[in-house]
Amino acid sequence: MSDYTNAGQQRLLRLIDLLSGHEVNGLELIGIAKALGQSPSAVTRDLDNLRTAGWAERHPNGRTWRLTPHVIQISQRYLTALQAGAAQLQGVSQRYGGPVSLGDFSIHS
């Protein structure tokens, strides 16, 4: 099996994970770099990529970085999709008179 992982993409995902939970005050560049084991210049490039994509922003204090509400918007779309799937499963359950789980039924759009 081929390994399709990309170090830069993996670093961005670790950065997103690190920033999550620090949306109010953000994290300083040096702290981010230390936590990720990366140079500040590499982290600056990654943060700039996240900013360009609308995922991260500088805190108004000018010293820290944080995730944007874009992450919450993705979470809300995810929840909406799960709720729609649950409603479809409920309909199937009612039609067939028994419990239905995602493992038993595949929803195709």
N, C-alpha and C. Protein backbone atom coordinates (compact mmCIF):
# COMPACT_ATOMS: atom_id res chain seq x y z
N MET A 1 0.84 -1.18 0.00
CA MET A 1 0.00 0.00 0.00
C MET A 1 0.89 1.25 0.00
N SER A 2 0.53 2.20 -0.83
CA SER A 2 1.31 3.42 -0.95
C SER A 2 1.04 4.36 0.22
N ASP A 3 2.04 5.13 0.56
CA ASP A 3 1.90 6.14 1.61
C ASP A 3 1.70 7.49 0.93
N TYR A 4 0.51 8.03 1.02
CA TYR A 4 0.19 9.29 0.37
C TYR A 4 0.23 10.48 1.33
N THR A 5 0.74 10.26 2.53
CA THR A 5 0.78 11.36 3.48
C THR A 5 1.79 12.41 3.03
N ASN A 6 1.51 13.63 3.42
CA ASN A 6 2.34 14.76 3.05
C ASN A 6 2.72 15.49 4.34
N ALA A 7 4.00 15.66 4.57
CA ALA A 7 4.47 16.25 5.83
C ALA A 7 3.89 17.64 6.08
N GLY A 8 3.82 18.46 5.04
CA GLY A 8 3.28 19.81 5.21
C GLY A 8 1.80 19.80 5.58
N GLN A 9 1.05 18.93 4.95
CA GLN A 9 -0.37 18.83 5.26
C GLN A 9 -0.58 18.29 6.67
N GLN A 10 0.22 17.32 7.06
CA GLN A 10 0.13 16.78 8.42
C GLN A 10 0.47 17.85 9.45
N ARG A 11 1.44 18.70 9.13
CA ARG A 11 1.83 19.78 10.03
C ARG A 11 0.67 20.78 10.19
N LEU A 12 -0.03 21.09 9.08
CA LEU A 12 -1.18 21.99 9.15
C LEU A 12 -2.28 21.41 10.02
N LEU A 13 -2.52 20.12 9.88
CA LEU A 13 -3.56 19.48 10.70
C LEU A 13 -3.19 19.51 12.18
N ARG A 14 -1.92 19.28 12.49
CA ARG A 14 -1.48 19.36 13.89
C ARG A 14 -1.63 20.79 14.42
N LEU A 15 -1.37 21.77 13.56
CA LEU A 15 -1.51 23.17 13.94
C LEU A 15 -2.97 23.50 14.25
N ILE A 16 -3.89 23.05 13.40
CA ILE A 16 -5.31 23.27 13.66
C ILE A 16 -5.71 22.64 14.99
N ASP A 17 -5.26 21.43 15.20
CA ASP A 17 -5.57 20.73 16.45
C ASP A 17 -5.02 21.50 17.65
N LEU A 18 -3.81 22.02 17.53
CA LEU A 18 -3.20 22.77 18.62
C LEU A 18 -3.97 24.07 18.91
N LEU A 19 -4.38 24.77 17.86
CA LEU A 19 -5.09 26.04 18.03
C LEU A 19 -6.49 25.85 18.61
N SER A 20 -7.08 24.68 18.38
CA SER A 20 -8.45 24.47 18.86
C SER A 20 -8.48 24.53 20.39
N GLY A 21 -9.47 25.25 20.88
CA GLY A 21 -9.59 25.45 22.32
C GLY A 21 -8.94 26.74 22.80
N HIS A 22 -8.30 27.45 21.88
CA HIS A 22 -7.64 28.72 22.23
C HIS A 22 -8.22 29.87 21.41
N GLU A 23 -9.51 29.76 21.08
CA GLU A 23 -10.14 30.76 20.22
C GLU A 23 -10.30 32.12 20.89
N VAL A 24 -10.35 32.17 22.20
CA VAL A 24 -10.55 33.45 22.89
C VAL A 24 -9.27 34.27 22.91
N ASN A 25 -8.19 33.70 23.44
CA ASN A 25 -6.94 34.45 23.58
C ASN A 25 -5.89 34.11 22.53
N GLY A 26 -6.04 33.00 21.84
CA GLY A 26 -5.06 32.58 20.84
C GLY A 26 -3.78 32.08 21.47
N LEU A 27 -2.84 31.71 20.63
CA LEU A 27 -1.52 31.23 21.06
C LEU A 27 -0.44 32.05 20.38
N GLU A 28 0.66 32.29 21.10
CA GLU A 28 1.78 33.03 20.54
C GLU A 28 2.59 32.14 19.60
N LEU A 29 3.19 32.76 18.60
CA LEU A 29 3.97 32.06 17.59
C LEU A 29 5.05 31.18 18.22
N ILE A 30 5.79 31.70 19.16
CA ILE A 30 6.88 30.93 19.78
C ILE A 30 6.34 29.69 20.48
N GLY A 31 5.24 29.85 21.20
CA GLY A 31 4.63 28.71 21.88
C GLY A 31 4.13 27.66 20.90
N ILE A 32 3.57 28.11 19.79
CA ILE A 32 3.10 27.18 18.76
C ILE A 32 4.29 26.42 18.18
N ALA A 33 5.34 27.16 17.85
CA ALA A 33 6.54 26.53 17.26
C ALA A 33 7.12 25.48 18.21
N LYS A 34 7.23 25.81 19.49
CA LYS A 34 7.77 24.85 20.46
C LYS A 34 6.87 23.63 20.58
N ALA A 35 5.57 23.85 20.65
CA ALA A 35 4.63 22.73 20.81
C ALA A 35 4.66 21.79 19.61
N LEU A 36 4.90 22.34 18.42
CA LEU A 36 4.92 21.52 17.21
C LEU A 36 6.31 21.03 16.86
N GLY A 37 7.33 21.55 17.55
CA GLY A 37 8.69 21.16 17.23
C GLY A 37 9.13 21.68 15.87
N GLN A 38 8.65 22.88 15.52
CA GLN A 38 8.95 23.49 14.23
C GLN A 38 9.60 24.86 14.45
N SER A 39 10.22 25.36 13.41
CA SER A 39 10.80 26.69 13.50
C SER A 39 9.69 27.74 13.41
N PRO A 40 9.90 28.90 14.01
CA PRO A 40 8.89 29.96 13.90
C PRO A 40 8.59 30.33 12.44
N SER A 41 9.60 30.29 11.57
CA SER A 41 9.35 30.64 10.16
C SER A 41 8.44 29.61 9.49
N ALA A 42 8.62 28.33 9.80
CA ALA A 42 7.74 27.29 9.23
C ALA A 42 6.32 27.47 9.74
N VAL A 43 6.18 27.78 11.02
CA VAL A 43 4.85 27.98 11.60
C VAL A 43 4.21 29.23 11.01
N THR A 44 4.99 30.28 10.78
CA THR A 44 4.45 31.50 10.16
C THR A 44 3.89 31.18 8.78
N ARG A 45 4.61 30.39 7.99
CA ARG A 45 4.11 29.99 6.66
C ARG A 45 2.81 29.20 6.80
N ASP A 46 2.78 28.28 7.75
CA ASP A 46 1.57 27.47 7.94
C ASP A 46 0.39 28.34 8.39
N LEU A 47 0.64 29.25 9.31
CA LEU A 47 -0.42 30.15 9.77
C LEU A 47 -0.92 31.03 8.63
N ASP A 48 -0.01 31.47 7.77
CA ASP A 48 -0.41 32.28 6.63
C ASP A 48 -1.28 31.48 5.67
N ASN A 49 -0.95 30.20 5.48
CA ASN A 49 -1.79 29.33 4.65
C ASN A 49 -3.18 29.17 5.26
N LEU A 50 -3.23 28.97 6.58
CA LEU A 50 -4.53 28.85 7.24
C LEU A 50 -5.31 30.16 7.16
N ARG A 51 -4.61 31.29 7.29
CA ARG A 51 -5.28 32.58 7.17
C ARG A 51 -5.85 32.77 5.77
N THR A 52 -5.07 32.44 4.76
CA THR A 52 -5.52 32.56 3.37
C THR A 52 -6.78 31.72 3.13
N ALA A 53 -6.84 30.55 3.75
CA ALA A 53 -7.98 29.65 3.59
C ALA A 53 -9.16 30.03 4.49
N GLY A 54 -8.96 31.04 5.36
CA GLY A 54 -10.03 31.47 6.25
C GLY A 54 -10.16 30.65 7.52
N TRP A 55 -9.14 29.87 7.85
CA TRP A 55 -9.18 29.00 9.02
C TRP A 55 -8.55 29.63 10.26
N ALA A 56 -7.64 30.56 10.11
CA ALA A 56 -6.94 31.17 11.26
C ALA A 56 -6.83 32.67 11.04
N GLU A 57 -6.66 33.37 12.16
CA GLU A 57 -6.51 34.82 12.11
C GLU A 57 -5.65 35.28 13.26
N ARG A 58 -5.08 36.46 13.08
CA ARG A 58 -4.36 37.09 14.19
C ARG A 58 -5.40 37.64 15.16
N HIS A 59 -5.13 37.46 16.43
CA HIS A 59 -5.97 38.03 17.48
C HIS A 59 -5.82 39.55 17.41
N PRO A 60 -6.85 40.31 17.77
CA PRO A 60 -6.72 41.77 17.76
C PRO A 60 -5.55 42.29 18.60
N ASN A 61 -5.07 41.50 19.57
CA ASN A 61 -3.92 41.95 20.37
C ASN A 61 -2.63 41.98 19.55
N GLY A 62 -2.65 41.37 18.35
CA GLY A 62 -1.48 41.38 17.46
C GLY A 62 -0.37 40.42 17.84
N ARG A 63 -0.49 39.73 18.95
CA ARG A 63 0.57 38.83 19.42
C ARG A 63 0.25 37.35 19.24
N THR A 64 -1.04 37.04 19.12
CA THR A 64 -1.42 35.63 19.10
C THR A 64 -2.25 35.28 17.86
N TRP A 65 -2.37 33.97 17.65
CA TRP A 65 -3.15 33.43 16.53
C TRP A 65 -4.25 32.54 17.09
N ARG A 66 -5.37 32.51 16.36
CA ARG A 66 -6.48 31.67 16.77
C ARG A 66 -7.25 31.18 15.55
N LEU A 67 -8.06 30.15 15.75
CA LEU A 67 -8.93 29.66 14.69
C LEU A 67 -10.07 30.64 14.49
N THR A 68 -10.60 30.69 13.28
CA THR A 68 -11.74 31.54 12.97
C THR A 68 -13.05 30.76 13.15
N PRO A 69 -14.17 31.44 13.07
CA PRO A 69 -15.46 30.74 13.14
C PRO A 69 -15.69 29.76 11.98
N HIS A 70 -14.83 29.77 10.98
CA HIS A 70 -14.96 28.82 9.86
C HIS A 70 -15.01 27.38 10.37
N VAL A 71 -14.25 27.09 11.38
CA VAL A 71 -14.22 25.74 11.95
C VAL A 71 -15.59 25.39 12.54
N ILE A 72 -16.22 26.34 13.19
CA ILE A 72 -17.55 26.12 13.75
C ILE A 72 -18.56 25.93 12.63
N GLN A 73 -18.42 26.69 11.55
CA GLN A 73 -19.33 26.53 10.42
C GLN A 73 -19.23 25.12 9.84
N ILE A 74 -18.03 24.58 9.76
CA ILE A 74 -17.86 23.20 9.29
C ILE A 74 -18.55 22.24 10.25
N SER A 75 -18.37 22.47 11.54
CA SER A 75 -19.01 21.62 12.54
C SER A 75 -20.53 21.68 12.43
N GLN A 76 -21.06 22.86 12.17
CA GLN A 76 -22.51 23.01 12.03
C GLN A 76 -23.02 22.26 10.80
N ARG A 77 -22.28 22.32 9.69
CA ARG A 77 -22.68 21.56 8.49
C ARG A 77 -22.63 20.07 8.77
N TYR A 78 -21.63 19.63 9.51
CA TYR A 78 -21.49 18.23 9.89
C TYR A 78 -22.70 17.79 10.72
N LEU A 79 -23.06 18.59 11.71
CA LEU A 79 -24.20 18.28 12.56
C LEU A 79 -25.50 18.24 11.74
N THR A 80 -25.67 19.20 10.84
CA THR A 80 -26.86 19.23 9.99
C THR A 80 -26.95 17.96 9.14
N ALA A 81 -25.82 17.52 8.60
CA ALA A 81 -25.80 16.30 7.80
C ALA A 81 -26.15 15.08 8.65
N LEU A 82 -25.63 15.02 9.87
CA LEU A 82 -25.95 13.91 10.77
C LEU A 82 -27.44 13.92 11.13
N GLN A 83 -27.98 15.10 11.37
CA GLN A 83 -29.40 15.20 11.71
C GLN A 83 -30.27 14.77 10.53
N ALA A 84 -29.87 15.16 9.31
CA ALA A 84 -30.62 14.73 8.12
C ALA A 84 -30.54 13.22 7.97
N GLY A 85 -29.37 12.66 8.20
CA GLY A 85 -29.22 11.21 8.12
C GLY A 85 -30.06 10.51 9.16
N ALA A 86 -30.10 11.06 10.37
CA ALA A 86 -30.90 10.47 11.44
C ALA A 86 -32.38 10.52 11.07
N ALA A 87 -32.82 11.62 10.45
CA ALA A 87 -34.22 11.73 10.04
C ALA A 87 -34.54 10.68 8.97
N GLN A 88 -33.62 10.46 8.04
CA GLN A 88 -33.83 9.43 7.01
C GLN A 88 -33.89 8.05 7.65
N LEU A 89 -33.01 7.79 8.59
CA LEU A 89 -33.02 6.49 9.26
C LEU A 89 -34.30 6.30 10.06
N GLN A 90 -34.78 7.37 10.67
CA GLN A 90 -36.04 7.30 11.42
C GLN A 90 -37.18 6.92 10.48
N GLY A 91 -37.20 7.50 9.28
CA GLY A 91 -38.22 7.17 8.29
C GLY A 91 -38.15 5.71 7.88
N VAL A 92 -36.96 5.21 7.66
CA VAL A 92 -36.78 3.80 7.29
C VAL A 92 -37.25 2.91 8.44
N SER A 93 -36.89 3.27 9.65
CA SER A 93 -37.28 2.49 10.82
C SER A 93 -38.80 2.43 10.95
N GLN A 94 -39.46 3.55 10.71
CA GLN A 94 -40.92 3.58 10.80
C GLN A 94 -41.56 2.76 9.69
N ARG A 95 -41.00 2.81 8.48
CA ARG A 95 -41.56 2.05 7.36
C ARG A 95 -41.42 0.55 7.58
N TYR A 96 -40.29 0.14 8.15
CA TYR A 96 -40.02 -1.29 8.29
C TYR A 96 -40.31 -1.82 9.69
N GLY A 97 -40.68 -0.96 10.60
CA GLY A 97 -41.10 -1.39 11.93
C GLY A 97 -40.01 -1.96 12.81
N GLY A 98 -38.78 -1.54 12.60
CA GLY A 98 -37.70 -2.04 13.43
C GLY A 98 -36.56 -1.05 13.49
N PRO A 99 -35.62 -1.31 14.38
CA PRO A 99 -34.47 -0.40 14.50
C PRO A 99 -33.55 -0.49 13.28
N VAL A 100 -32.96 0.63 12.94
CA VAL A 100 -32.03 0.72 11.81
C VAL A 100 -30.81 1.49 12.30
N SER A 101 -29.63 1.01 11.98
CA SER A 101 -28.41 1.74 12.35
C SER A 101 -27.65 2.11 11.09
N LEU A 102 -26.71 3.01 11.22
CA LEU A 102 -25.90 3.40 10.07
C LEU A 102 -25.15 2.21 9.50
N GLY A 103 -24.84 1.23 10.33
CA GLY A 103 -24.15 0.04 9.85
C GLY A 103 -25.04 -0.84 8.98
N ASP A 104 -26.36 -0.70 9.14
CA ASP A 104 -27.31 -1.52 8.38
C ASP A 104 -27.81 -0.83 7.12
N PHE A 105 -27.67 0.46 7.05
CA PHE A 105 -28.29 1.21 5.97
C PHE A 105 -27.34 2.27 5.45
N SER A 106 -27.19 2.32 4.16
CA SER A 106 -26.33 3.32 3.56
C SER A 106 -27.19 4.37 2.89
N ILE A 107 -26.94 5.61 3.19
CA ILE A 107 -27.71 6.71 2.61
C ILE A 107 -26.94 7.22 1.40
N HIS A 108 -27.59 7.22 0.25
CA HIS A 108 -26.95 7.72 -0.98
C HIS A 108 -27.72 8.94 -1.47
N SER A 109 -26.98 9.96 -1.79
CA SER A 109 -27.63 11.18 -2.30
C SER A 109 -27.69 11.13 -3.80
